[in-house]
Amino acid sequence: PQVLREFADLLALPNVASDSVNIRRNADAIVAAFARRGIAMRRLESPT
């Protein structure tokens, strides 16, 4: 149930690479989901 809720929440986020605010929300949601499962995670920003 928790995994499906997290997945549905992720799918509900706008997900277009050119939408810099929401694409970072997507990245942060992925980082948080894996971190909750004990994976050392981070978001890597592009210098461009």
All heavy atoms as atom14 arrays in JSON, in Angstrom:
{
  "sequence": "PQVLREFADLLALPNVASDSVNIRRNADAIVAAFARRGIAMRRLESPT",
  "atom14_mask": [
    [1, 1, 1, 1, 1, 1, 1, 0, 0, 0, 0, 0, 0, 0],
    [1, 1, 1, 1, 1, 1, 1, 1, 1, 0, 0, 0, 0, 0],
    [1, 1, 1, 1, 1, 1, 1, 0, 0, 0, 0, 0, 0, 0],
    [1, 1, 1, 1, 1, 1, 1, 1, 0, 0, 0, 0, 0, 0],
    [1, 1, 1, 1, 1, 1, 1, 1, 1, 1, 1, 0, 0, 0],
    [1, 1, 1, 1, 1, 1, 1, 1, 1, 0, 0, 0, 0, 0],
    [1, 1, 1, 1, 1, 1, 1, 1, 1, 1, 1, 0, 0, 0],
    [1, 1, 1, 1, 1, 0, 0, 0, 0, 0, 0, 0, 0, 0],
    [1, 1, 1, 1, 1, 1, 1, 1, 0, 0, 0, 0, 0, 0],
    [1, 1, 1, 1, 1, 1, 1, 1, 0, 0, 0, 0, 0, 0],
    [1, 1, 1, 1, 1, 1, 1, 1, 0, 0, 0, 0, 0, 0],
    [1, 1, 1, 1, 1, 0, 0, 0, 0, 0, 0, 0, 0, 0],
    [1, 1, 1, 1, 1, 1, 1, 1, 0, 0, 0, 0, 0, 0],
    [1, 1, 1, 1, 1, 1, 1, 0, 0, 0, 0, 0, 0, 0],
    [1, 1, 1, 1, 1, 1, 1, 1, 0, 0, 0, 0, 0, 0],
    [1, 1, 1, 1, 1, 1, 1, 0, 0, 0, 0, 0, 0, 0],
    [1, 1, 1, 1, 1, 0, 0, 0, 0, 0, 0, 0, 0, 0],
    [1, 1, 1, 1, 1, 1, 0, 0, 0, 0, 0, 0, 0, 0],
    [1, 1, 1, 1, 1, 1, 1, 1, 0, 0, 0, 0, 0, 0],
    [1, 1, 1, 1, 1, 1, 0, 0, 0, 0, 0, 0, 0, 0],
    [1, 1, 1, 1, 1, 1, 1, 0, 0, 0, 0, 0, 0, 0],
    [1, 1, 1, 1, 1, 1, 1, 1, 0, 0, 0, 0, 0, 0],
    [1, 1, 1, 1, 1, 1, 1, 1, 0, 0, 0, 0, 0, 0],
    [1, 1, 1, 1, 1, 1, 1, 1, 1, 1, 1, 0, 0, 0],
    [1, 1, 1, 1, 1, 1, 1, 1, 1, 1, 1, 0, 0, 0],
    [1, 1, 1, 1, 1, 1, 1, 1, 0, 0, 0, 0, 0, 0],
    [1, 1, 1, 1, 1, 0, 0, 0, 0, 0, 0, 0, 0, 0],
    [1, 1, 1, 1, 1, 1, 1, 1, 0, 0, 0, 0, 0, 0],
    [1, 1, 1, 1, 1, 0, 0, 0, 0, 0, 0, 0, 0, 0],
    [1, 1, 1, 1, 1, 1, 1, 1, 0, 0, 0, 0, 0, 0],
    [1, 1, 1, 1, 1, 1, 1, 0, 0, 0, 0, 0, 0, 0],
    [1, 1, 1, 1, 1, 0, 0, 0, 0, 0, 0, 0, 0, 0],
    [1, 1, 1, 1, 1, 0, 0, 0, 0, 0, 0, 0, 0, 0],
    [1, 1, 1, 1, 1, 1, 1, 1, 1, 1, 1, 0, 0, 0],
    [1, 1, 1, 1, 1, 0, 0, 0, 0, 0, 0, 0, 0, 0],
    [1, 1, 1, 1, 1, 1, 1, 1, 1, 1, 1, 0, 0, 0],
    [1, 1, 1, 1, 1, 1, 1, 1, 1, 1, 1, 0, 0, 0],
    [1, 1, 1, 1, 0, 0, 0, 0, 0, 0, 0, 0, 0, 0],
    [1, 1, 1, 1, 1, 1, 1, 1, 0, 0, 0, 0, 0, 0],
    [1, 1, 1, 1, 1, 0, 0, 0, 0, 0, 0, 0, 0, 0],
    [1, 1, 1, 1, 1, 1, 1, 1, 0, 0, 0, 0, 0, 0],
    [1, 1, 1, 1, 1, 1, 1, 1, 1, 1, 1, 0, 0, 0],
    [1, 1, 1, 1, 1, 1, 1, 1, 1, 1, 1, 0, 0, 0],
    [1, 1, 1, 1, 1, 1, 1, 1, 0, 0, 0, 0, 0, 0],
    [1, 1, 1, 1, 1, 1, 1, 1, 1, 0, 0, 0, 0, 0],
    [1, 1, 1, 1, 1, 1, 0, 0, 0, 0, 0, 0, 0, 0],
    [1, 1, 1, 1, 1, 1, 1, 0, 0, 0, 0, 0, 0, 0],
    [1, 1, 1, 1, 1, 1, 1, 0, 0, 0, 0, 0, 0, 0]
  ],
  "atom14_positions": [
    [[0.82, -1.22, 0.0], [0.0, 0.0, 0.0], [0.85, 1.27, 0.0], [0.57, 2.22, -0.73], [-0.84, -0.12, 1.28], [-0.89, -1.59, 1.55], [0.45, -2.12, 1.11], [0.0, 0.0, 0.0], [0.0, 0.0, 0.0], [0.0, 0.0, 0.0], [0.0, 0.0, 0.0], [0.0, 0.0, 0.0], [0.0, 0.0, 0.0], [0.0, 0.0, 0.0]],
    [[1.9, 1.29, 0.82], [2.79, 2.46, 0.88], [3.49, 2.68, -0.45], [3.57, 3.8, -0.94], [3.82, 2.27, 1.99], [4.87, 3.36, 2.03], [6.04, 3.01, 2.92], [6.05, 1.98, 3.59], [7.04, 3.86, 2.94], [0.0, 0.0, 0.0], [0.0, 0.0, 0.0], [0.0, 0.0, 0.0], [0.0, 0.0, 0.0], [0.0, 0.0, 0.0]],
    [[4.0, 1.63, -1.06], [4.71, 1.75, -2.33], [3.76, 2.26, -3.42], [4.13, 3.15, -4.2], [5.34, 0.39, -2.73], [5.88, 0.44, -4.15], [6.45, 0.02, -1.75], [0.0, 0.0, 0.0], [0.0, 0.0, 0.0], [0.0, 0.0, 0.0], [0.0, 0.0, 0.0], [0.0, 0.0, 0.0], [0.0, 0.0, 0.0], [0.0, 0.0, 0.0]],
    [[2.56, 1.74, -3.47], [1.6, 2.19, -4.48], [1.19, 3.65, -4.26], [1.04, 4.41, -5.23], [0.37, 1.28, -4.48], [0.61, -0.12, -5.04], [-0.64, -0.97, -4.91], [1.1, -0.07, -6.47], [0.0, 0.0, 0.0], [0.0, 0.0, 0.0], [0.0, 0.0, 0.0], [0.0, 0.0, 0.0], [0.0, 0.0, 0.0], [0.0, 0.0, 0.0]],
    [[1.04, 4.07, -2.99], [0.74, 5.48, -2.71], [1.87, 6.38, -3.18], [1.65, 7.41, -3.81], [0.51, 5.69, -1.21], [-0.94, 5.62, -0.79], [-1.15, 6.12, 0.64], [-0.17, 5.66, 1.61], [-0.22, 4.47, 2.24], [-1.2, 3.63, 1.99], [0.7, 4.13, 3.1], [0.0, 0.0, 0.0], [0.0, 0.0, 0.0], [0.0, 0.0, 0.0]],
    [[3.13, 5.99, -2.85], [4.28, 6.78, -3.28], [4.35, 6.87, -4.8], [4.65, 7.93, -5.35], [5.58, 6.17, -2.75], [5.81, 6.37, -1.28], [7.08, 5.7, -0.81], [7.68, 4.89, -1.56], [7.49, 5.97, 0.32], [0.0, 0.0, 0.0], [0.0, 0.0, 0.0], [0.0, 0.0, 0.0], [0.0, 0.0, 0.0], [0.0, 0.0, 0.0]],
    [[4.07, 5.76, -5.48], [4.13, 5.74, -6.93], [3.03, 6.63, -7.52], [3.28, 7.41, -8.43], [4.0, 4.3, -7.43], [4.25, 4.15, -8.91], [5.37, 4.68, -9.51], [3.35, 3.45, -9.69], [5.59, 4.54, -10.87], [3.57, 3.29, -11.05], [4.69, 3.85, -11.64], [0.0, 0.0, 0.0], [0.0, 0.0, 0.0], [0.0, 0.0, 0.0]],
    [[1.83, 6.55, -6.98], [0.73, 7.4, -7.45], [1.06, 8.88, -7.21], [0.79, 9.72, -8.08], [-0.57, 7.02, -6.75], [0.0, 0.0, 0.0], [0.0, 0.0, 0.0], [0.0, 0.0, 0.0], [0.0, 0.0, 0.0], [0.0, 0.0, 0.0], [0.0, 0.0, 0.0], [0.0, 0.0, 0.0], [0.0, 0.0, 0.0], [0.0, 0.0, 0.0]],
    [[1.64, 9.2, -6.07], [2.04, 10.59, -5.79], [3.09, 11.07, -6.78], [3.05, 12.2, -7.25], [2.58, 10.72, -4.36], [1.5, 10.57, -3.31], [0.29, 10.62, -3.65], [1.87, 10.36, -2.12], [0.0, 0.0, 0.0], [0.0, 0.0, 0.0], [0.0, 0.0, 0.0], [0.0, 0.0, 0.0], [0.0, 0.0, 0.0], [0.0, 0.0, 0.0]],
    [[4.05, 10.2, -7.11], [5.08, 10.55, -8.08], [4.45, 10.78, -9.46], [4.76, 11.76, -10.15], [6.14, 9.45, -8.17], [7.26, 9.69, -9.19], [8.09, 10.91, -8.82], [8.14, 8.45, -9.29], [0.0, 0.0, 0.0], [0.0, 0.0, 0.0], [0.0, 0.0, 0.0], [0.0, 0.0, 0.0], [0.0, 0.0, 0.0], [0.0, 0.0, 0.0]],
    [[3.54, 9.89, -9.86], [2.89, 10.04, -11.17], [2.03, 11.29, -11.24], [1.79, 11.82, -12.33], [2.05, 8.8, -11.47], [2.82, 7.5, -11.7], [1.85, 6.35, -11.9], [3.78, 7.63, -12.87], [0.0, 0.0, 0.0], [0.0, 0.0, 0.0], [0.0, 0.0, 0.0], [0.0, 0.0, 0.0], [0.0, 0.0, 0.0], [0.0, 0.0, 0.0]],
    [[1.57, 11.79, -10.11], [0.74, 12.99, -10.1], [1.54, 14.27, -10.3], [0.97, 15.31, -10.63], [-0.03, 13.07, -8.77], [0.0, 0.0, 0.0], [0.0, 0.0, 0.0], [0.0, 0.0, 0.0], [0.0, 0.0, 0.0], [0.0, 0.0, 0.0], [0.0, 0.0, 0.0], [0.0, 0.0, 0.0], [0.0, 0.0, 0.0], [0.0, 0.0, 0.0]],
    [[2.86, 14.2, -10.13], [3.68, 15.39, -10.32], [3.84, 15.69, -11.81], [4.08, 14.76, -12.6], [5.08, 15.18, -9.72], [5.17, 15.03, -8.21], [6.59, 14.68, -7.8], [4.73, 16.32, -7.53], [0.0, 0.0, 0.0], [0.0, 0.0, 0.0], [0.0, 0.0, 0.0], [0.0, 0.0, 0.0], [0.0, 0.0, 0.0], [0.0, 0.0, 0.0]],
    [[3.73, 16.96, -12.21], [4.03, 17.29, -13.6], [5.45, 16.84, -13.93], [6.36, 17.03, -13.13], [3.9, 18.82, -13.64], [2.99, 19.15, -12.5], [3.32, 18.12, -11.44], [0.0, 0.0, 0.0], [0.0, 0.0, 0.0], [0.0, 0.0, 0.0], [0.0, 0.0, 0.0], [0.0, 0.0, 0.0], [0.0, 0.0, 0.0], [0.0, 0.0, 0.0]],
    [[5.62, 16.23, -15.09], [6.88, 15.57, -15.38], [7.35, 15.89, -16.8], [7.29, 15.06, -17.7], [6.7, 14.05, -15.21], [8.01, 13.31, -15.22], [8.86, 13.59, -16.03], [8.13, 12.38, -14.31], [0.0, 0.0, 0.0], [0.0, 0.0, 0.0], [0.0, 0.0, 0.0], [0.0, 0.0, 0.0], [0.0, 0.0, 0.0], [0.0, 0.0, 0.0]],
    [[7.82, 17.12, -16.98], [8.37, 17.56, -18.25], [9.75, 18.12, -17.96], [9.9, 18.99, -17.1], [7.47, 18.63, -18.91], [8.07, 19.14, -20.2], [6.06, 18.07, -19.13], [0.0, 0.0, 0.0], [0.0, 0.0, 0.0], [0.0, 0.0, 0.0], [0.0, 0.0, 0.0], [0.0, 0.0, 0.0], [0.0, 0.0, 0.0], [0.0, 0.0, 0.0]],
    [[10.76, 17.63, -18.66], [12.14, 18.01, -18.37], [12.36, 19.52, -18.42], [13.17, 20.06, -17.68], [13.09, 17.3, -19.32], [0.0, 0.0, 0.0], [0.0, 0.0, 0.0], [0.0, 0.0, 0.0], [0.0, 0.0, 0.0], [0.0, 0.0, 0.0], [0.0, 0.0, 0.0], [0.0, 0.0, 0.0], [0.0, 0.0, 0.0], [0.0, 0.0, 0.0]],
    [[11.65, 20.23, -19.28], [11.84, 21.68, -19.4], [11.16, 22.46, -18.27], [11.38, 23.66, -18.13], [11.32, 22.17, -20.75], [9.93, 21.9, -20.87], [0.0, 0.0, 0.0], [0.0, 0.0, 0.0], [0.0, 0.0, 0.0], [0.0, 0.0, 0.0], [0.0, 0.0, 0.0], [0.0, 0.0, 0.0], [0.0, 0.0, 0.0], [0.0, 0.0, 0.0]],
    [[10.35, 21.82, -17.44], [9.7, 22.44, -16.29], [10.64, 22.27, -15.1], [10.54, 21.31, -14.33], [8.34, 21.78, -16.04], [7.58, 22.36, -14.87], [8.15, 23.18, -14.11], [6.41, 21.96, -14.7], [0.0, 0.0, 0.0], [0.0, 0.0, 0.0], [0.0, 0.0, 0.0], [0.0, 0.0, 0.0], [0.0, 0.0, 0.0], [0.0, 0.0, 0.0]],
    [[11.56, 23.22, -14.93], [12.66, 23.04, -13.97], [12.18, 22.88, -12.54], [12.78, 22.13, -11.77], [13.66, 24.19, -14.07], [13.05, 25.41, -13.73], [0.0, 0.0, 0.0], [0.0, 0.0, 0.0], [0.0, 0.0, 0.0], [0.0, 0.0, 0.0], [0.0, 0.0, 0.0], [0.0, 0.0, 0.0], [0.0, 0.0, 0.0], [0.0, 0.0, 0.0]],
    [[11.12, 23.55, -12.15], [10.63, 23.44, -10.77], [10.07, 22.04, -10.52], [10.45, 21.36, -9.55], [9.56, 24.52, -10.47], [8.9, 24.26, -9.13], [10.19, 25.9, -10.51], [0.0, 0.0, 0.0], [0.0, 0.0, 0.0], [0.0, 0.0, 0.0], [0.0, 0.0, 0.0], [0.0, 0.0, 0.0], [0.0, 0.0, 0.0], [0.0, 0.0, 0.0]],
    [[9.19, 21.59, -11.39], [8.55, 20.28, -11.15], [9.46, 19.11, -11.44], [9.32, 18.06, -10.81], [7.25, 20.19, -11.95], [6.15, 20.97, -11.27], [5.95, 20.84, -10.07], [5.45, 21.79, -12.01], [0.0, 0.0, 0.0], [0.0, 0.0, 0.0], [0.0, 0.0, 0.0], [0.0, 0.0, 0.0], [0.0, 0.0, 0.0], [0.0, 0.0, 0.0]],
    [[10.41, 19.25, -12.35], [11.33, 18.13, -12.58], [12.21, 17.92, -11.35], [12.55, 16.79, -11.0], [12.14, 18.29, -13.88], [12.62, 16.93, -14.39], [13.32, 19.22, -13.7], [11.53, 15.99, -14.83], [0.0, 0.0, 0.0], [0.0, 0.0, 0.0], [0.0, 0.0, 0.0], [0.0, 0.0, 0.0], [0.0, 0.0, 0.0], [0.0, 0.0, 0.0]],
    [[12.51, 18.99, -10.65], [13.26, 18.87, -9.4], [12.39, 18.27, -8.3], [12.88, 17.53, -7.45], [13.86, 20.2, -9.0], [15.12, 20.48, -9.8], [15.64, 21.9, -9.7], [16.88, 22.01, -10.46], [16.97, 22.03, -11.79], [15.88, 21.92, -12.52], [18.13, 22.11, -12.4], [0.0, 0.0, 0.0], [0.0, 0.0, 0.0], [0.0, 0.0, 0.0]],
    [[11.11, 18.57, -8.31], [10.18, 17.92, -7.36], [10.15, 16.42, -7.63], [10.12, 15.62, -6.69], [8.78, 18.51, -7.5], [8.64, 19.9, -6.92], [7.25, 20.46, -7.09], [6.26, 19.65, -6.41], [4.98, 19.58, -6.77], [4.53, 20.26, -7.82], [4.13, 18.83, -6.09], [0.0, 0.0, 0.0], [0.0, 0.0, 0.0], [0.0, 0.0, 0.0]],
    [[10.15, 16.01, -8.9], [10.21, 14.6, -9.24], [11.49, 13.97, -8.71], [11.47, 12.9, -8.08], [10.17, 14.42, -10.78], [8.78, 14.43, -11.34], [8.21, 13.39, -11.56], [8.23, 15.62, -11.57], [0.0, 0.0, 0.0], [0.0, 0.0, 0.0], [0.0, 0.0, 0.0], [0.0, 0.0, 0.0], [0.0, 0.0, 0.0], [0.0, 0.0, 0.0]],
    [[12.62, 14.62, -8.98], [13.91, 14.1, -8.52], [13.92, 13.97, -7.0], [14.37, 12.96, -6.45], [15.05, 15.0, -9.0], [0.0, 0.0, 0.0], [0.0, 0.0, 0.0], [0.0, 0.0, 0.0], [0.0, 0.0, 0.0], [0.0, 0.0, 0.0], [0.0, 0.0, 0.0], [0.0, 0.0, 0.0], [0.0, 0.0, 0.0], [0.0, 0.0, 0.0]],
    [[13.42, 14.99, -6.31], [13.4, 14.95, -4.84], [12.5, 13.84, -4.31], [12.82, 13.19, -3.31], [12.96, 16.3, -4.27], [14.01, 17.39, -4.49], [15.19, 17.06, -4.74], [13.64, 18.58, -4.4], [0.0, 0.0, 0.0], [0.0, 0.0, 0.0], [0.0, 0.0, 0.0], [0.0, 0.0, 0.0], [0.0, 0.0, 0.0], [0.0, 0.0, 0.0]],
    [[11.37, 13.6, -4.99], [10.47, 12.51, -4.56], [11.16, 11.15, -4.73], [11.02, 10.27, -3.87], [9.18, 12.56, -5.37], [0.0, 0.0, 0.0], [0.0, 0.0, 0.0], [0.0, 0.0, 0.0], [0.0, 0.0, 0.0], [0.0, 0.0, 0.0], [0.0, 0.0, 0.0], [0.0, 0.0, 0.0], [0.0, 0.0, 0.0], [0.0, 0.0, 0.0]],
    [[11.9, 10.98, -5.8], [12.62, 9.72, -6.03], [13.72, 9.55, -4.98], [13.88, 8.47, -4.41], [13.18, 9.68, -7.46], [12.03, 9.62, -8.47], [14.14, 8.51, -7.65], [12.43, 9.91, -9.9], [0.0, 0.0, 0.0], [0.0, 0.0, 0.0], [0.0, 0.0, 0.0], [0.0, 0.0, 0.0], [0.0, 0.0, 0.0], [0.0, 0.0, 0.0]],
    [[14.47, 10.62, -4.74], [15.52, 10.57, -3.71], [14.91, 10.18, -2.36], [15.43, 9.29, -1.67], [16.25, 11.93, -3.63], [17.09, 12.02, -2.35], [17.12, 12.14, -4.86], [0.0, 0.0, 0.0], [0.0, 0.0, 0.0], [0.0, 0.0, 0.0], [0.0, 0.0, 0.0], [0.0, 0.0, 0.0], [0.0, 0.0, 0.0], [0.0, 0.0, 0.0]],
    [[13.82, 10.8, -1.99], [13.19, 10.53, -0.68], [12.69, 9.08, -0.59], [12.87, 8.43, 0.44], [12.05, 11.5, -0.43], [0.0, 0.0, 0.0], [0.0, 0.0, 0.0], [0.0, 0.0, 0.0], [0.0, 0.0, 0.0], [0.0, 0.0, 0.0], [0.0, 0.0, 0.0], [0.0, 0.0, 0.0], [0.0, 0.0, 0.0], [0.0, 0.0, 0.0]],
    [[12.07, 8.59, -1.66], [11.53, 7.22, -1.64], [12.64, 6.19, -1.44], [12.51, 5.26, -0.64], [10.76, 6.94, -2.92], [0.0, 0.0, 0.0], [0.0, 0.0, 0.0], [0.0, 0.0, 0.0], [0.0, 0.0, 0.0], [0.0, 0.0, 0.0], [0.0, 0.0, 0.0], [0.0, 0.0, 0.0], [0.0, 0.0, 0.0], [0.0, 0.0, 0.0]],
    [[13.73, 6.35, -2.17], [14.83, 5.39, -2.01], [15.55, 5.58, -0.68], [15.96, 4.6, -0.06], [15.81, 5.52, -3.18], [15.37, 4.77, -4.4], [14.55, 5.35, -5.34], [15.78, 3.45, -4.61], [14.13, 4.67, -6.47], [15.37, 2.75, -5.73], [14.54, 3.36, -6.66], [0.0, 0.0, 0.0], [0.0, 0.0, 0.0], [0.0, 0.0, 0.0]],
    [[15.69, 6.81, -0.23], [16.36, 7.06, 1.06], [15.59, 6.42, 2.2], [16.19, 5.89, 3.14], [16.51, 8.56, 1.28], [0.0, 0.0, 0.0], [0.0, 0.0, 0.0], [0.0, 0.0, 0.0], [0.0, 0.0, 0.0], [0.0, 0.0, 0.0], [0.0, 0.0, 0.0], [0.0, 0.0, 0.0], [0.0, 0.0, 0.0], [0.0, 0.0, 0.0]],
    [[14.25, 6.43, 2.12], [13.44, 5.77, 3.15], [13.72, 4.27, 3.2], [13.43, 3.62, 4.2], [11.95, 6.0, 2.89], [11.44, 7.34, 3.35], [9.93, 7.43, 3.31], [9.4, 7.44, 1.96], [9.29, 8.52, 1.18], [9.71, 9.69, 1.61], [8.76, 8.42, -0.03], [0.0, 0.0, 0.0], [0.0, 0.0, 0.0], [0.0, 0.0, 0.0]],
    [[14.26, 3.73, 2.15], [14.57, 2.3, 2.09], [16.05, 2.01, 2.34], [16.54, 0.92, 2.08], [14.11, 1.75, 0.75], [12.59, 1.71, 0.69], [12.06, 1.67, -0.71], [10.61, 1.58, -0.69], [9.79, 2.63, -0.59], [10.28, 3.85, -0.49], [8.49, 2.46, -0.58], [0.0, 0.0, 0.0], [0.0, 0.0, 0.0], [0.0, 0.0, 0.0]],
    [[16.76, 3.01, 2.83], [18.15, 2.8, 3.24], [19.19, 2.98, 2.16], [20.34, 2.62, 2.35], [0.0, 0.0, 0.0], [0.0, 0.0, 0.0], [0.0, 0.0, 0.0], [0.0, 0.0, 0.0], [0.0, 0.0, 0.0], [0.0, 0.0, 0.0], [0.0, 0.0, 0.0], [0.0, 0.0, 0.0], [0.0, 0.0, 0.0], [0.0, 0.0, 0.0]],
    [[18.8, 3.56, 1.03], [19.75, 3.8, -0.06], [20.3, 5.22, 0.1], [19.55, 6.17, 0.28], [19.06, 3.66, -1.44], [18.28, 2.36, -1.56], [20.06, 3.85, -2.56], [19.11, 1.12, -1.51], [0.0, 0.0, 0.0], [0.0, 0.0, 0.0], [0.0, 0.0, 0.0], [0.0, 0.0, 0.0], [0.0, 0.0, 0.0], [0.0, 0.0, 0.0]],
    [[21.62, 5.35, 0.03], [22.25, 6.67, 0.08], [21.97, 7.36, -1.26], [22.41, 6.91, -2.3], [23.75, 6.54, 0.32], [0.0, 0.0, 0.0], [0.0, 0.0, 0.0], [0.0, 0.0, 0.0], [0.0, 0.0, 0.0], [0.0, 0.0, 0.0], [0.0, 0.0, 0.0], [0.0, 0.0, 0.0], [0.0, 0.0, 0.0], [0.0, 0.0, 0.0]],
    [[21.2, 8.44, -1.21], [20.72, 9.09, -2.43], [21.15, 10.55, -2.47], [21.34, 11.17, -1.42], [19.19, 9.04, -2.48], [18.59, 7.66, -2.54], [18.96, 6.77, -4.05], [18.12, 7.78, -5.27], [0.0, 0.0, 0.0], [0.0, 0.0, 0.0], [0.0, 0.0, 0.0], [0.0, 0.0, 0.0], [0.0, 0.0, 0.0], [0.0, 0.0, 0.0]],
    [[21.21, 11.08, -3.7], [21.41, 12.52, -3.86], [20.97, 12.96, -5.24], [20.94, 12.17, -6.18], [22.84, 12.93, -3.57], [23.86, 12.25, -4.42], [25.25, 12.58, -3.92], [26.17, 11.68, -4.58], [27.4, 11.97, -4.88], [27.89, 13.15, -4.55], [28.17, 11.11, -5.49], [0.0, 0.0, 0.0], [0.0, 0.0, 0.0], [0.0, 0.0, 0.0]],
    [[20.64, 14.22, -5.3], [20.28, 14.85, -6.57], [21.52, 15.54, -7.1], [22.15, 16.32, -6.39], [19.16, 15.86, -6.32], [18.55, 16.42, -7.57], [17.41, 17.34, -7.23], [17.93, 18.68, -6.97], [17.2, 19.69, -6.56], [15.91, 19.53, -6.32], [17.74, 20.87, -6.37], [0.0, 0.0, 0.0], [0.0, 0.0, 0.0], [0.0, 0.0, 0.0]],
    [[21.88, 15.25, -8.33], [23.07, 15.84, -8.95], [22.64, 16.9, -9.94], [21.92, 16.61, -10.9], [23.89, 14.76, -9.66], [24.33, 13.56, -8.82], [25.01, 12.51, -9.68], [25.25, 14.02, -7.69], [0.0, 0.0, 0.0], [0.0, 0.0, 0.0], [0.0, 0.0, 0.0], [0.0, 0.0, 0.0], [0.0, 0.0, 0.0], [0.0, 0.0, 0.0]],
    [[23.06, 18.12, -9.71], [22.69, 19.23, -10.58], [23.69, 19.38, -11.73], [24.88, 19.18, -11.57], [22.64, 20.54, -9.78], [21.51, 20.6, -8.77], [20.13, 20.7, -9.41], [20.03, 21.07, -10.6], [19.16, 20.4, -8.71], [0.0, 0.0, 0.0], [0.0, 0.0, 0.0], [0.0, 0.0, 0.0], [0.0, 0.0, 0.0], [0.0, 0.0, 0.0]],
    [[23.16, 19.75, -12.86], [23.98, 20.01, -14.04], [24.49, 21.44, -13.99], [23.74, 22.36, -13.67], [23.13, 19.81, -15.31], [23.78, 20.35, -16.42], [0.0, 0.0, 0.0], [0.0, 0.0, 0.0], [0.0, 0.0, 0.0], [0.0, 0.0, 0.0], [0.0, 0.0, 0.0], [0.0, 0.0, 0.0], [0.0, 0.0, 0.0], [0.0, 0.0, 0.0]],
    [[25.77, 21.66, -14.32], [26.28, 23.04, -14.32], [25.62, 23.9, -15.4], [25.65, 25.12, -15.31], [27.78, 22.87, -14.59], [27.96, 21.5, -15.1], [26.79, 20.69, -14.64], [0.0, 0.0, 0.0], [0.0, 0.0, 0.0], [0.0, 0.0, 0.0], [0.0, 0.0, 0.0], [0.0, 0.0, 0.0], [0.0, 0.0, 0.0], [0.0, 0.0, 0.0]],
    [[24.97, 23.27, -16.37], [24.3, 24.03, -17.43], [22.85, 24.33, -17.08], [22.14, 24.94, -17.88], [24.35, 23.25, -18.76], [23.67, 22.01, -18.6], [25.79, 23.01, -19.19], [0.0, 0.0, 0.0], [0.0, 0.0, 0.0], [0.0, 0.0, 0.0], [0.0, 0.0, 0.0], [0.0, 0.0, 0.0], [0.0, 0.0, 0.0], [0.0, 0.0, 0.0]]
  ]
}
